[in-house]
PDB file of all heavy atoms in Angstrom:
ATOM      1  N   PRO A   1       1.213 -22.861  -3.105  1.00  0.00           N
ATOM      2  CA  PRO A   1       0.250 -23.388  -4.085  1.00  0.00           C
ATOM      3  C   PRO A   1      -1.104 -22.693  -3.957  1.00  0.00           C
ATOM      4  O   PRO A   1      -1.464 -22.189  -2.889  1.00  0.00           O
ATOM      5  CB  PRO A   1       0.150 -24.872  -3.709  1.00  0.00           C
ATOM      6  CG  PRO A   1       1.419 -25.173  -2.973  1.00  0.00           C
ATOM      7  CD  PRO A   1       1.782 -23.917  -2.249  1.00  0.00           C
ATOM      8  N   MET A   2      -1.826 -22.666  -5.046  1.00  0.00           N
ATOM      9  CA  MET A   2      -3.127 -22.005  -5.070  1.00  0.00           C
ATOM     10  C   MET A   2      -4.050 -22.630  -4.031  1.00  0.00           C
ATOM     11  O   MET A   2      -4.066 -23.844  -3.823  1.00  0.00           O
ATOM     12  CB  MET A   2      -3.731 -22.106  -6.463  1.00  0.00           C
ATOM     13  CG  MET A   2      -4.933 -21.220  -6.694  1.00  0.00           C
ATOM     14  SD  MET A   2      -5.416 -21.184  -8.454  1.00  0.00           S
ATOM     15  CE  MET A   2      -4.025 -20.298  -9.172  1.00  0.00           C
ATOM     16  N   GLY A   3      -4.823 -21.780  -3.373  1.00  0.00           N
ATOM     17  CA  GLY A   3      -5.718 -22.252  -2.336  1.00  0.00           C
ATOM     18  C   GLY A   3      -7.032 -22.772  -2.878  1.00  0.00           C
ATOM     19  O   GLY A   3      -7.187 -23.017  -4.094  1.00  0.00           O
ATOM     20  N   SER A   4      -7.980 -22.962  -1.976  1.00  0.00           N
ATOM     21  CA  SER A   4      -9.288 -23.464  -2.381  1.00  0.00           C
ATOM     22  C   SER A   4     -10.002 -22.467  -3.289  1.00  0.00           C
ATOM     23  O   SER A   4      -9.768 -21.251  -3.221  1.00  0.00           O
ATOM     24  CB  SER A   4     -10.134 -23.759  -1.136  1.00  0.00           C
ATOM     25  OG  SER A   4     -10.305 -22.581  -0.361  1.00  0.00           O
ATOM     26  N   ARG A   5     -10.861 -23.004  -4.130  1.00  0.00           N
ATOM     27  CA  ARG A   5     -11.653 -22.195  -5.069  1.00  0.00           C
ATOM     28  C   ARG A   5     -10.782 -21.376  -6.023  1.00  0.00           C
ATOM     29  O   ARG A   5     -11.178 -20.312  -6.530  1.00  0.00           O
ATOM     30  CB  ARG A   5     -12.602 -21.263  -4.320  1.00  0.00           C
ATOM     31  CG  ARG A   5     -13.558 -21.975  -3.388  1.00  0.00           C
ATOM     32  CD  ARG A   5     -14.427 -20.982  -2.646  1.00  0.00           C
ATOM     33  NE  ARG A   5     -15.275 -21.671  -1.665  1.00  0.00           N
ATOM     34  CZ  ARG A   5     -16.086 -21.033  -0.820  1.00  0.00           C
ATOM     35  NH1 ARG A   5     -16.155 -19.698  -0.845  1.00  0.00           N
ATOM     36  NH2 ARG A   5     -16.805 -21.713   0.048  1.00  0.00           N
ATOM     37  N   GLY A   6      -9.553 -21.857  -6.245  1.00  0.00           N
ATOM     38  CA  GLY A   6      -8.693 -21.195  -7.200  1.00  0.00           C
ATOM     39  C   GLY A   6      -8.150 -19.849  -6.764  1.00  0.00           C
ATOM     40  O   GLY A   6      -7.702 -19.054  -7.598  1.00  0.00           O
ATOM     41  N   ARG A   7      -8.149 -19.580  -5.463  1.00  0.00           N
ATOM     42  CA  ARG A   7      -7.677 -18.294  -4.957  1.00  0.00           C
ATOM     43  C   ARG A   7      -6.174 -18.336  -4.690  1.00  0.00           C
ATOM     44  O   ARG A   7      -5.624 -19.354  -4.259  1.00  0.00           O
ATOM     45  CB  ARG A   7      -8.419 -17.914  -3.676  1.00  0.00           C
ATOM     46  CG  ARG A   7      -9.900 -17.661  -3.889  1.00  0.00           C
ATOM     47  CD  ARG A   7     -10.596 -17.304  -2.579  1.00  0.00           C
ATOM     48  NE  ARG A   7     -10.568 -18.391  -1.630  1.00  0.00           N
ATOM     49  CZ  ARG A   7     -11.089 -18.318  -0.398  1.00  0.00           C
ATOM     50  NH1 ARG A   7     -11.666 -17.193   0.014  1.00  0.00           N
ATOM     51  NH2 ARG A   7     -11.012 -19.375   0.398  1.00  0.00           N
ATOM     52  N   TYR A   8      -5.511 -17.197  -4.918  1.00  0.00           N
ATOM     53  CA  TYR A   8      -4.081 -17.082  -4.650  1.00  0.00           C
ATOM     54  C   TYR A   8      -3.831 -16.816  -3.158  1.00  0.00           C
ATOM     55  O   TYR A   8      -4.527 -16.022  -2.533  1.00  0.00           O
ATOM     56  CB  TYR A   8      -3.458 -15.962  -5.486  1.00  0.00           C
ATOM     57  CG  TYR A   8      -3.376 -16.275  -6.967  1.00  0.00           C
ATOM     58  CD1 TYR A   8      -4.322 -15.772  -7.852  1.00  0.00           C
ATOM     59  CD2 TYR A   8      -2.358 -17.076  -7.470  1.00  0.00           C
ATOM     60  CE1 TYR A   8      -4.263 -16.054  -9.201  1.00  0.00           C
ATOM     61  CE2 TYR A   8      -2.286 -17.365  -8.824  1.00  0.00           C
ATOM     62  CZ  TYR A   8      -3.234 -16.860  -9.673  1.00  0.00           C
ATOM     63  OH  TYR A   8      -3.168 -17.162 -11.025  1.00  0.00           O
ATOM     64  N   VAL A   9      -2.819 -17.513  -2.625  1.00  0.00           N
ATOM     65  CA  VAL A   9      -2.410 -17.296  -1.236  1.00  0.00           C
ATOM     66  C   VAL A   9      -1.279 -16.272  -1.232  1.00  0.00           C
ATOM     67  O   VAL A   9      -0.247 -16.463  -1.868  1.00  0.00           O
ATOM     68  CB  VAL A   9      -1.944 -18.607  -0.580  1.00  0.00           C
ATOM     69  CG1 VAL A   9      -1.512 -18.345   0.855  1.00  0.00           C
ATOM     70  CG2 VAL A   9      -3.040 -19.661  -0.627  1.00  0.00           C
ATOM     71  N   ARG A  10      -1.476 -15.177  -0.499  1.00  0.00           N
ATOM     72  CA  ARG A  10      -0.480 -14.108  -0.458  1.00  0.00           C
ATOM     73  C   ARG A  10       0.006 -13.911   0.975  1.00  0.00           C
ATOM     74  O   ARG A  10      -0.779 -13.583   1.873  1.00  0.00           O
ATOM     75  CB  ARG A  10      -1.067 -12.808  -1.012  1.00  0.00           C
ATOM     76  CG  ARG A  10      -1.402 -12.862  -2.500  1.00  0.00           C
ATOM     77  CD  ARG A  10      -1.878 -11.516  -3.014  1.00  0.00           C
ATOM     78  NE  ARG A  10      -2.080 -11.519  -4.458  1.00  0.00           N
ATOM     79  CZ  ARG A  10      -3.178 -11.928  -5.064  1.00  0.00           C
ATOM     80  NH1 ARG A  10      -4.221 -12.330  -4.319  1.00  0.00           N
ATOM     81  NH2 ARG A  10      -3.262 -11.917  -6.375  1.00  0.00           N
ATOM     82  N   ILE A  11       1.312 -14.126   1.174  1.00  0.00           N
ATOM     83  CA  ILE A  11       1.954 -13.872   2.473  1.00  0.00           C
ATOM     84  C   ILE A  11       2.493 -12.452   2.457  1.00  0.00           C
ATOM     85  O   ILE A  11       3.276 -12.076   1.589  1.00  0.00           O
ATOM     86  CB  ILE A  11       3.072 -14.895   2.737  1.00  0.00           C
ATOM     87  CG1 ILE A  11       2.477 -16.308   2.837  1.00  0.00           C
ATOM     88  CG2 ILE A  11       3.835 -14.534   4.023  1.00  0.00           C
ATOM     89  CD1 ILE A  11       3.509 -17.405   2.973  1.00  0.00           C
ATOM     90  N   LYS A  12       2.077 -11.649   3.428  1.00  0.00           N
ATOM     91  CA  LYS A  12       2.344 -10.219   3.383  1.00  0.00           C
ATOM     92  C   LYS A  12       3.402  -9.754   4.391  1.00  0.00           C
ATOM     93  O   LYS A  12       4.024  -8.712   4.187  1.00  0.00           O
ATOM     94  CB  LYS A  12       1.036  -9.460   3.643  1.00  0.00           C
ATOM     95  CG  LYS A  12      -0.085  -9.841   2.679  1.00  0.00           C
ATOM     96  CD  LYS A  12      -1.409  -9.216   3.066  1.00  0.00           C
ATOM     97  CE  LYS A  12      -2.531  -9.667   2.133  1.00  0.00           C
ATOM     98  NZ  LYS A  12      -3.838  -9.069   2.521  1.00  0.00           N
ATOM     99  N   TYR A  13       3.594 -10.558   5.483  1.00  0.00           N
ATOM    100  CA  TYR A  13       4.390 -10.042   6.584  1.00  0.00           C
ATOM    101  C   TYR A  13       4.852 -11.210   7.449  1.00  0.00           C
ATOM    102  O   TYR A  13       4.105 -12.172   7.630  1.00  0.00           O
ATOM    103  CB  TYR A  13       3.541  -9.057   7.394  1.00  0.00           C
ATOM    104  CG  TYR A  13       4.230  -8.364   8.539  1.00  0.00           C
ATOM    105  CD1 TYR A  13       5.141  -7.346   8.316  1.00  0.00           C
ATOM    106  CD2 TYR A  13       3.956  -8.714   9.864  1.00  0.00           C
ATOM    107  CE1 TYR A  13       5.759  -6.696   9.374  1.00  0.00           C
ATOM    108  CE2 TYR A  13       4.560  -8.072  10.928  1.00  0.00           C
ATOM    109  CZ  TYR A  13       5.462  -7.063  10.676  1.00  0.00           C
ATOM    110  OH  TYR A  13       6.068  -6.422  11.721  1.00  0.00           O
ATOM    111  N   ILE A  14       6.085 -11.120   7.973  1.00  0.00           N
ATOM    112  CA  ILE A  14       6.630 -12.193   8.816  1.00  0.00           C
ATOM    113  C   ILE A  14       7.253 -11.586  10.065  1.00  0.00           C
ATOM    114  O   ILE A  14       7.900 -10.529   9.989  1.00  0.00           O
ATOM    115  CB  ILE A  14       7.712 -13.011   8.074  1.00  0.00           C
ATOM    116  CG1 ILE A  14       7.195 -13.473   6.715  1.00  0.00           C
ATOM    117  CG2 ILE A  14       8.144 -14.203   8.921  1.00  0.00           C
ATOM    118  CD1 ILE A  14       7.903 -12.914   5.550  1.00  0.00           C
ATOM    119  N   MET A  15       7.094 -12.251  11.188  1.00  0.00           N
ATOM    120  CA  MET A  15       7.766 -11.810  12.406  1.00  0.00           C
ATOM    121  C   MET A  15       8.033 -13.010  13.319  1.00  0.00           C
ATOM    122  O   MET A  15       7.326 -14.012  13.267  1.00  0.00           O
ATOM    123  CB  MET A  15       6.918 -10.778  13.159  1.00  0.00           C
ATOM    124  CG  MET A  15       5.610 -11.305  13.715  1.00  0.00           C
ATOM    125  SD  MET A  15       4.695 -10.051  14.686  1.00  0.00           S
ATOM    126  CE  MET A  15       5.832  -9.782  16.038  1.00  0.00           C
ATOM    127  N   GLN A  16       9.076 -12.904  14.118  1.00  0.00           N
ATOM    128  CA  GLN A  16       9.345 -13.901  15.142  1.00  0.00           C
ATOM    129  C   GLN A  16       8.583 -13.514  16.400  1.00  0.00           C
ATOM    130  O   GLN A  16       8.671 -12.374  16.863  1.00  0.00           O
ATOM    131  CB  GLN A  16      10.846 -14.010  15.443  1.00  0.00           C
ATOM    132  CG  GLN A  16      11.176 -15.117  16.448  1.00  0.00           C
ATOM    133  CD  GLN A  16      12.665 -15.275  16.700  1.00  0.00           C
ATOM    134  OE1 GLN A  16      13.479 -14.614  16.059  1.00  0.00           O
ATOM    135  NE2 GLN A  16      13.035 -16.137  17.630  1.00  0.00           N
ATOM    136  N   LEU A  17       7.841 -14.445  16.957  1.00  0.00           N
ATOM    137  CA  LEU A  17       7.050 -14.174  18.144  1.00  0.00           C
ATOM    138  C   LEU A  17       7.924 -14.079  19.389  1.00  0.00           C
ATOM    139  O   LEU A  17       8.994 -14.702  19.461  1.00  0.00           O
ATOM    140  CB  LEU A  17       5.987 -15.258  18.322  1.00  0.00           C
ATOM    141  CG  LEU A  17       5.014 -15.453  17.149  1.00  0.00           C
ATOM    142  CD1 LEU A  17       4.056 -16.605  17.421  1.00  0.00           C
ATOM    143  CD2 LEU A  17       4.251 -14.173  16.866  1.00  0.00           C
ATOM    144  N   LYS A  18       7.463 -13.326  20.359  1.00  0.00           N
ATOM    145  CA  LYS A  18       8.208 -13.148  21.598  1.00  0.00           C
ATOM    146  C   LYS A  18       7.927 -14.306  22.545  1.00  0.00           C
ATOM    147  O   LYS A  18       7.202 -14.190  23.522  1.00  0.00           O
ATOM    148  CB  LYS A  18       7.850 -11.810  22.247  1.00  0.00           C
ATOM    149  CG  LYS A  18       8.275 -10.601  21.413  1.00  0.00           C
ATOM    150  CD  LYS A  18       7.909  -9.294  22.098  1.00  0.00           C
ATOM    151  CE  LYS A  18       8.362  -8.100  21.260  1.00  0.00           C
ATOM    152  NZ  LYS A  18       8.005  -6.808  21.910  1.00  0.00           N
ATOM    153  N   THR A  19       8.501 -15.448  22.228  1.00  0.00           N
ATOM    154  CA  THR A  19       8.311 -16.664  23.002  1.00  0.00           C
ATOM    155  C   THR A  19       9.663 -17.235  23.394  1.00  0.00           C
ATOM    156  O   THR A  19      10.704 -16.829  22.873  1.00  0.00           O
ATOM    157  CB  THR A  19       7.526 -17.710  22.188  1.00  0.00           C
ATOM    158  OG1 THR A  19       8.171 -17.905  20.918  1.00  0.00           O
ATOM    159  CG2 THR A  19       6.095 -17.232  21.953  1.00  0.00           C
ATOM    160  N   SER A  20       9.629 -18.195  24.319  1.00  0.00           N
ATOM    161  CA  SER A  20      10.871 -18.794  24.800  1.00  0.00           C
ATOM    162  C   SER A  20      11.496 -19.742  23.789  1.00  0.00           C
ATOM    163  O   SER A  20      12.661 -20.112  23.913  1.00  0.00           O
ATOM    164  CB  SER A  20      10.629 -19.542  26.117  1.00  0.00           C
ATOM    165  OG  SER A  20       9.635 -20.545  25.950  1.00  0.00           O
ATOM    166  N   THR A  21      10.733 -20.179  22.805  1.00  0.00           N
ATOM    167  CA  THR A  21      11.229 -21.040  21.739  1.00  0.00           C
ATOM    168  C   THR A  21      11.004 -20.356  20.398  1.00  0.00           C
ATOM    169  O   THR A  21      10.115 -19.502  20.282  1.00  0.00           O
ATOM    170  CB  THR A  21      10.516 -22.401  21.751  1.00  0.00           C
ATOM    171  OG1 THR A  21       9.105 -22.208  21.554  1.00  0.00           O
ATOM    172  CG2 THR A  21      10.724 -23.090  23.099  1.00  0.00           C
ATOM    173  N   PRO A  22      11.794 -20.688  19.362  1.00  0.00           N
ATOM    174  CA  PRO A  22      11.663 -20.022  18.067  1.00  0.00           C
ATOM    175  C   PRO A  22      10.309 -20.299  17.397  1.00  0.00           C
ATOM    176  O   PRO A  22      10.033 -21.411  16.970  1.00  0.00           O
ATOM    177  CB  PRO A  22      12.817 -20.598  17.245  1.00  0.00           C
ATOM    178  CG  PRO A  22      13.786 -21.120  18.235  1.00  0.00           C
ATOM    179  CD  PRO A  22      12.959 -21.607  19.388  1.00  0.00           C
ATOM    180  N   MET A  23       9.481 -19.286  17.324  1.00  0.00           N
ATOM    181  CA  MET A  23       8.189 -19.363  16.651  1.00  0.00           C
ATOM    182  C   MET A  23       8.080 -18.193  15.681  1.00  0.00           C
ATOM    183  O   MET A  23       8.401 -17.060  16.029  1.00  0.00           O
ATOM    184  CB  MET A  23       7.033 -19.315  17.657  1.00  0.00           C
ATOM    185  CG  MET A  23       7.000 -20.467  18.647  1.00  0.00           C
ATOM    186  SD  MET A  23       5.580 -20.332  19.760  1.00  0.00           S
ATOM    187  CE  MET A  23       5.850 -21.761  20.834  1.00  0.00           C
ATOM    188  N   PHE A  24       7.613 -18.479  14.472  1.00  0.00           N
ATOM    189  CA  PHE A  24       7.513 -17.466  13.436  1.00  0.00           C
ATOM    190  C   PHE A  24       6.066 -17.404  12.927  1.00  0.00           C
ATOM    191  O   PHE A  24       5.454 -18.431  12.627  1.00  0.00           O
ATOM    192  CB  PHE A  24       8.463 -17.774  12.282  1.00  0.00           C
ATOM    193  CG  PHE A  24       9.907 -17.779  12.691  1.00  0.00           C
ATOM    194  CD1 PHE A  24      10.518 -18.943  13.135  1.00  0.00           C
ATOM    195  CD2 PHE A  24      10.660 -16.618  12.651  1.00  0.00           C
ATOM    196  CE1 PHE A  24      11.852 -18.954  13.527  1.00  0.00           C
ATOM    197  CE2 PHE A  24      11.992 -16.621  13.047  1.00  0.00           C
ATOM    198  CZ  PHE A  24      12.587 -17.790  13.481  1.00  0.00           C
ATOM    199  N   ALA A  25       5.547 -16.196  12.856  1.00  0.00           N
ATOM    200  CA  ALA A  25       4.190 -15.977  12.361  1.00  0.00           C
ATOM    201  C   ALA A  25       4.251 -15.396  10.957  1.00  0.00           C
ATOM    202  O   ALA A  25       4.926 -14.386  10.723  1.00  0.00           O
ATOM    203  CB  ALA A  25       3.414 -15.054  13.295  1.00  0.00           C
ATOM    204  N   PHE A  26       3.545 -16.025  10.021  1.00  0.00           N
ATOM    205  CA  PHE A  26       3.423 -15.554   8.654  1.00  0.00           C
ATOM    206  C   PHE A  26       1.992 -15.062   8.459  1.00  0.00           C
ATOM    207  O   PHE A  26       1.040 -15.846   8.551  1.00  0.00           O
ATOM    208  CB  PHE A  26       3.741 -16.681   7.663  1.00  0.00           C
ATOM    209  CG  PHE A  26       5.194 -17.046   7.588  1.00  0.00           C
ATOM    210  CD1 PHE A  26       5.810 -17.723   8.630  1.00  0.00           C
ATOM    211  CD2 PHE A  26       5.956 -16.721   6.483  1.00  0.00           C
ATOM    212  CE1 PHE A  26       7.147 -18.082   8.571  1.00  0.00           C
ATOM    213  CE2 PHE A  26       7.306 -17.068   6.410  1.00  0.00           C
ATOM    214  CZ  PHE A  26       7.897 -17.740   7.460  1.00  0.00           C
ATOM    215  N   PHE A  27       1.832 -13.783   8.211  1.00  0.00           N
ATOM    216  CA  PHE A  27       0.511 -13.192   8.061  1.00  0.00           C
ATOM    217  C   PHE A  27       0.106 -13.221   6.585  1.00  0.00           C
ATOM    218  O   PHE A  27       0.848 -12.746   5.715  1.00  0.00           O
ATOM    219  CB  PHE A  27       0.501 -11.771   8.606  1.00  0.00           C
ATOM    220  CG  PHE A  27       0.749 -11.705  10.084  1.00  0.00           C
ATOM    221  CD1 PHE A  27       2.035 -11.595  10.581  1.00  0.00           C
ATOM    222  CD2 PHE A  27      -0.310 -11.780  10.981  1.00  0.00           C
ATOM    223  CE1 PHE A  27       2.275 -11.546  11.946  1.00  0.00           C
ATOM    224  CE2 PHE A  27      -0.080 -11.731  12.352  1.00  0.00           C
ATOM    225  CZ  PHE A  27       1.208 -11.619  12.833  1.00  0.00           C
ATOM    226  N   CYS A  28      -1.085 -13.773   6.324  1.00  0.00           N
ATOM    227  CA  CYS A  28      -1.503 -13.962   4.942  1.00  0.00           C
ATOM    228  C   CYS A  28      -3.014 -13.899   4.835  1.00  0.00           C
ATOM    229  O   CYS A  28      -3.727 -13.784   5.845  1.00  0.00           O
ATOM    230  CB  CYS A  28      -0.996 -15.301   4.405  1.00  0.00           C
ATOM    231  SG  CYS A  28      -1.530 -16.735   5.379  1.00  0.00           S
TER     232      CYS A  28
END
């Protein structure tokens, strides 16, 4: 959904972090 002040949120890249439990980072 559109962010504050009417700005578009754009997710550019995803990766699984090197941790002992499943963690995913979404860069935006």
